[in-house]
Amino acid sequence: MPKRVLQGTVTSSAAMKTVTVIVERRIKHAVYKKYIVRSKKYLAHDEDNACKVGDKVRIRECRPLSKRKRWEVLDEAAAAAKA
């Protein structure tokens, strides 16, 4: 089974080798048929401490690394888009 990959924005990099990434998704309201933005925070492993607040990153599902950390940073999305 392939691992899920999400794209989001780094909101915190205060912890060592860990970043908080907020991932936003758009859903359509069942009754009003308007789009609503829903967001969720994920803790992701950043081995090199390279990510800073505001960076667009891609994260991938991985084995549990701590109590709440089950994602790892693949790369910065802005750098990946240029390549």
N, C-alpha and C. Protein backbone atom coordinates (compact mmCIF):
# COMPACT_ATOMS: atom_id res chain seq x y z
N MET A 1 0.84 -1.18 0.00
CA MET A 1 0.00 0.00 0.00
C MET A 1 0.88 1.25 0.00
N PRO A 2 0.65 2.19 -0.91
CA PRO A 2 1.50 3.38 -0.98
C PRO A 2 1.29 4.29 0.23
N LYS A 3 2.33 5.02 0.55
CA LYS A 3 2.26 5.96 1.66
C LYS A 3 1.62 7.25 1.20
N ARG A 4 0.80 7.83 2.05
CA ARG A 4 0.13 9.09 1.70
C ARG A 4 1.13 10.24 1.69
N VAL A 5 0.94 11.16 0.76
CA VAL A 5 1.76 12.36 0.68
C VAL A 5 0.83 13.56 0.73
N LEU A 6 1.12 14.50 1.64
CA LEU A 6 0.32 15.71 1.79
C LEU A 6 1.21 16.93 1.60
N GLN A 7 0.58 18.06 1.27
CA GLN A 7 1.32 19.30 1.11
C GLN A 7 0.74 20.33 2.05
N GLY A 8 1.62 21.06 2.74
CA GLY A 8 1.14 22.06 3.69
C GLY A 8 2.19 23.11 3.97
N THR A 9 1.91 23.93 5.00
CA THR A 9 2.77 25.04 5.37
C THR A 9 3.29 24.82 6.79
N VAL A 10 4.57 25.08 6.99
CA VAL A 10 5.18 24.94 8.31
C VAL A 10 4.71 26.09 9.19
N THR A 11 4.14 25.75 10.36
CA THR A 11 3.67 26.77 11.29
C THR A 11 4.57 26.91 12.51
N SER A 12 5.36 25.88 12.80
CA SER A 12 6.27 25.94 13.94
C SER A 12 7.46 25.02 13.69
N SER A 13 8.64 25.51 14.07
CA SER A 13 9.84 24.68 13.98
C SER A 13 10.65 24.79 15.27
N ALA A 14 9.97 25.01 16.39
CA ALA A 14 10.63 25.22 17.67
C ALA A 14 11.24 23.94 18.23
N ALA A 15 10.59 22.81 18.00
CA ALA A 15 11.10 21.55 18.53
C ALA A 15 12.27 21.05 17.69
N MET A 16 13.13 20.25 18.32
CA MET A 16 14.30 19.74 17.62
C MET A 16 13.90 18.61 16.67
N LYS A 17 14.32 18.72 15.42
CA LYS A 17 14.05 17.72 14.38
C LYS A 17 12.55 17.47 14.15
N THR A 18 11.70 18.42 14.53
CA THR A 18 10.26 18.29 14.35
C THR A 18 9.69 19.61 13.87
N VAL A 19 8.79 19.54 12.91
CA VAL A 19 8.06 20.73 12.46
C VAL A 19 6.57 20.45 12.53
N THR A 20 5.79 21.50 12.77
CA THR A 20 4.35 21.40 12.73
C THR A 20 3.90 21.91 11.38
N VAL A 21 3.14 21.08 10.67
CA VAL A 21 2.68 21.42 9.32
C VAL A 21 1.16 21.49 9.33
N ILE A 22 0.61 22.58 8.81
CA ILE A 22 -0.85 22.70 8.70
C ILE A 22 -1.23 22.38 7.25
N VAL A 23 -2.15 21.44 7.09
CA VAL A 23 -2.59 21.00 5.77
C VAL A 23 -4.04 21.44 5.60
N GLU A 24 -4.31 22.19 4.55
CA GLU A 24 -5.67 22.66 4.28
C GLU A 24 -6.28 21.89 3.13
N ARG A 25 -7.58 21.60 3.25
CA ARG A 25 -8.30 20.94 2.18
C ARG A 25 -9.64 21.62 1.99
N ARG A 26 -10.17 21.57 0.79
CA ARG A 26 -11.45 22.20 0.48
C ARG A 26 -12.51 21.13 0.36
N ILE A 27 -13.63 21.31 1.08
CA ILE A 27 -14.74 20.38 0.98
C ILE A 27 -15.99 21.15 0.58
N LYS A 28 -16.90 20.47 -0.05
CA LYS A 28 -18.15 21.09 -0.46
C LYS A 28 -19.22 20.82 0.60
N HIS A 29 -19.90 21.87 1.05
CA HIS A 29 -20.95 21.73 2.05
C HIS A 29 -22.12 20.96 1.45
N ALA A 30 -22.66 20.00 2.20
CA ALA A 30 -23.70 19.12 1.68
C ALA A 30 -24.99 19.86 1.34
N VAL A 31 -25.36 20.85 2.13
CA VAL A 31 -26.62 21.56 1.92
C VAL A 31 -26.43 22.80 1.07
N TYR A 32 -25.45 23.64 1.44
CA TYR A 32 -25.30 24.95 0.80
C TYR A 32 -24.45 24.93 -0.46
N LYS A 33 -23.77 23.81 -0.73
CA LYS A 33 -22.97 23.63 -1.95
C LYS A 33 -21.84 24.65 -2.10
N LYS A 34 -21.41 25.23 -0.98
CA LYS A 34 -20.28 26.15 -1.03
C LYS A 34 -19.05 25.41 -0.52
N TYR A 35 -17.89 25.88 -0.96
CA TYR A 35 -16.64 25.24 -0.53
C TYR A 35 -16.17 25.84 0.79
N ILE A 36 -15.74 24.95 1.70
CA ILE A 36 -15.26 25.33 3.02
C ILE A 36 -13.83 24.83 3.14
N VAL A 37 -12.97 25.63 3.77
CA VAL A 37 -11.59 25.22 3.98
C VAL A 37 -11.47 24.59 5.36
N ARG A 38 -11.03 23.34 5.39
CA ARG A 38 -10.78 22.62 6.65
C ARG A 38 -9.26 22.43 6.77
N SER A 39 -8.76 22.52 7.99
CA SER A 39 -7.33 22.36 8.17
C SER A 39 -7.03 21.41 9.33
N LYS A 40 -5.85 20.82 9.28
CA LYS A 40 -5.40 19.90 10.32
C LYS A 40 -3.90 20.04 10.48
N LYS A 41 -3.43 19.92 11.72
CA LYS A 41 -2.00 20.02 11.99
C LYS A 41 -1.38 18.63 12.10
N TYR A 42 -0.19 18.49 11.56
CA TYR A 42 0.57 17.25 11.63
C TYR A 42 1.96 17.57 12.16
N LEU A 43 2.51 16.67 12.98
CA LEU A 43 3.91 16.78 13.38
C LEU A 43 4.72 15.92 12.43
N ALA A 44 5.77 16.51 11.87
CA ALA A 44 6.59 15.81 10.89
C ALA A 44 8.05 15.86 11.29
N HIS A 45 8.77 14.79 10.97
CA HIS A 45 10.19 14.66 11.28
C HIS A 45 11.02 15.40 10.24
N ASP A 46 11.86 16.32 10.71
CA ASP A 46 12.75 17.10 9.84
C ASP A 46 14.18 16.84 10.31
N GLU A 47 14.83 15.86 9.71
CA GLU A 47 16.14 15.39 10.17
C GLU A 47 17.19 16.49 10.22
N ASP A 48 17.22 17.38 9.23
CA ASP A 48 18.28 18.39 9.14
C ASP A 48 17.91 19.73 9.76
N ASN A 49 16.73 19.85 10.33
CA ASN A 49 16.23 21.14 10.84
C ASN A 49 16.30 22.22 9.76
N ALA A 50 15.95 21.86 8.53
CA ALA A 50 16.08 22.77 7.40
C ALA A 50 14.86 23.65 7.20
N CYS A 51 13.71 23.21 7.65
CA CYS A 51 12.47 23.94 7.40
C CYS A 51 12.29 25.10 8.37
N LYS A 52 11.74 26.19 7.84
CA LYS A 52 11.46 27.38 8.65
C LYS A 52 9.98 27.68 8.56
N VAL A 53 9.49 28.51 9.46
CA VAL A 53 8.07 28.89 9.47
C VAL A 53 7.71 29.56 8.16
N GLY A 54 6.62 29.12 7.55
CA GLY A 54 6.15 29.69 6.30
C GLY A 54 6.55 28.89 5.07
N ASP A 55 7.45 27.93 5.22
CA ASP A 55 7.87 27.10 4.08
C ASP A 55 6.73 26.18 3.64
N LYS A 56 6.60 26.00 2.34
CA LYS A 56 5.67 25.01 1.80
C LYS A 56 6.43 23.70 1.71
N VAL A 57 5.89 22.65 2.32
CA VAL A 57 6.58 21.36 2.34
C VAL A 57 5.63 20.23 1.96
N ARG A 58 6.23 19.12 1.52
CA ARG A 58 5.47 17.89 1.31
C ARG A 58 5.86 16.93 2.41
N ILE A 59 4.87 16.27 3.00
CA ILE A 59 5.14 15.30 4.06
C ILE A 59 4.61 13.94 3.65
N ARG A 60 5.29 12.88 4.13
CA ARG A 60 4.92 11.51 3.78
C ARG A 60 4.70 10.70 5.05
N GLU A 61 3.73 9.82 4.99
CA GLU A 61 3.41 8.95 6.09
C GLU A 61 4.60 8.00 6.35
N CYS A 62 4.87 7.71 7.62
CA CYS A 62 5.96 6.79 7.96
C CYS A 62 5.62 6.05 9.25
N ARG A 63 6.55 5.26 9.73
CA ARG A 63 6.34 4.53 10.97
C ARG A 63 6.27 5.52 12.14
N PRO A 64 5.67 5.13 13.26
CA PRO A 64 5.61 6.04 14.41
C PRO A 64 7.01 6.37 14.93
N LEU A 65 7.30 7.66 15.03
CA LEU A 65 8.60 8.11 15.50
C LEU A 65 8.53 8.59 16.95
N SER A 66 7.34 8.99 17.39
CA SER A 66 7.10 9.38 18.78
C SER A 66 5.61 9.27 19.02
N LYS A 67 5.14 9.83 20.14
CA LYS A 67 3.73 9.67 20.49
C LYS A 67 2.80 10.24 19.41
N ARG A 68 3.12 11.42 18.87
CA ARG A 68 2.25 12.08 17.89
C ARG A 68 2.88 12.21 16.50
N LYS A 69 4.13 11.86 16.36
CA LYS A 69 4.85 12.09 15.10
C LYS A 69 4.84 10.84 14.23
N ARG A 70 4.08 10.89 13.12
CA ARG A 70 3.97 9.75 12.19
C ARG A 70 4.19 10.18 10.75
N TRP A 71 4.80 11.33 10.53
CA TRP A 71 5.03 11.87 9.19
C TRP A 71 6.48 12.32 9.11
N GLU A 72 7.01 12.36 7.88
CA GLU A 72 8.36 12.86 7.66
C GLU A 72 8.35 13.86 6.51
N VAL A 73 9.23 14.84 6.58
CA VAL A 73 9.31 15.86 5.54
C VAL A 73 10.04 15.26 4.34
N LEU A 74 9.39 15.33 3.18
CA LEU A 74 10.03 14.85 1.94
C LEU A 74 10.93 15.93 1.38
N ASP A 75 10.37 17.08 1.09
CA ASP A 75 11.13 18.18 0.52
C ASP A 75 10.30 19.44 0.62
N GLU A 76 10.93 20.54 0.29
CA GLU A 76 10.19 21.79 0.22
C GLU A 76 9.45 21.83 -1.09
N ALA A 77 8.17 22.10 -1.06
CA ALA A 77 7.32 22.05 -2.26
C ALA A 77 7.72 23.11 -3.27
N ALA A 78 8.13 24.29 -2.79
CA ALA A 78 8.53 25.37 -3.69
C ALA A 78 9.77 24.97 -4.49
N ALA A 79 10.73 24.33 -3.80
CA ALA A 79 11.94 23.87 -4.49
C ALA A 79 11.62 22.74 -5.45
N ALA A 80 10.67 21.87 -5.08
CA ALA A 80 10.29 20.76 -5.96
C ALA A 80 9.57 21.25 -7.19
N ALA A 81 8.81 22.32 -7.07
CA ALA A 81 8.07 22.86 -8.22
C ALA A 81 9.02 23.45 -9.26
N LYS A 82 10.12 24.04 -8.80
CA LYS A 82 11.09 24.64 -9.72
C LYS A 82 11.87 23.60 -10.48
N ALA A 83 12.14 22.48 -9.86
CA ALA A 83 12.97 21.43 -10.48
C ALA A 83 12.23 20.65 -11.55
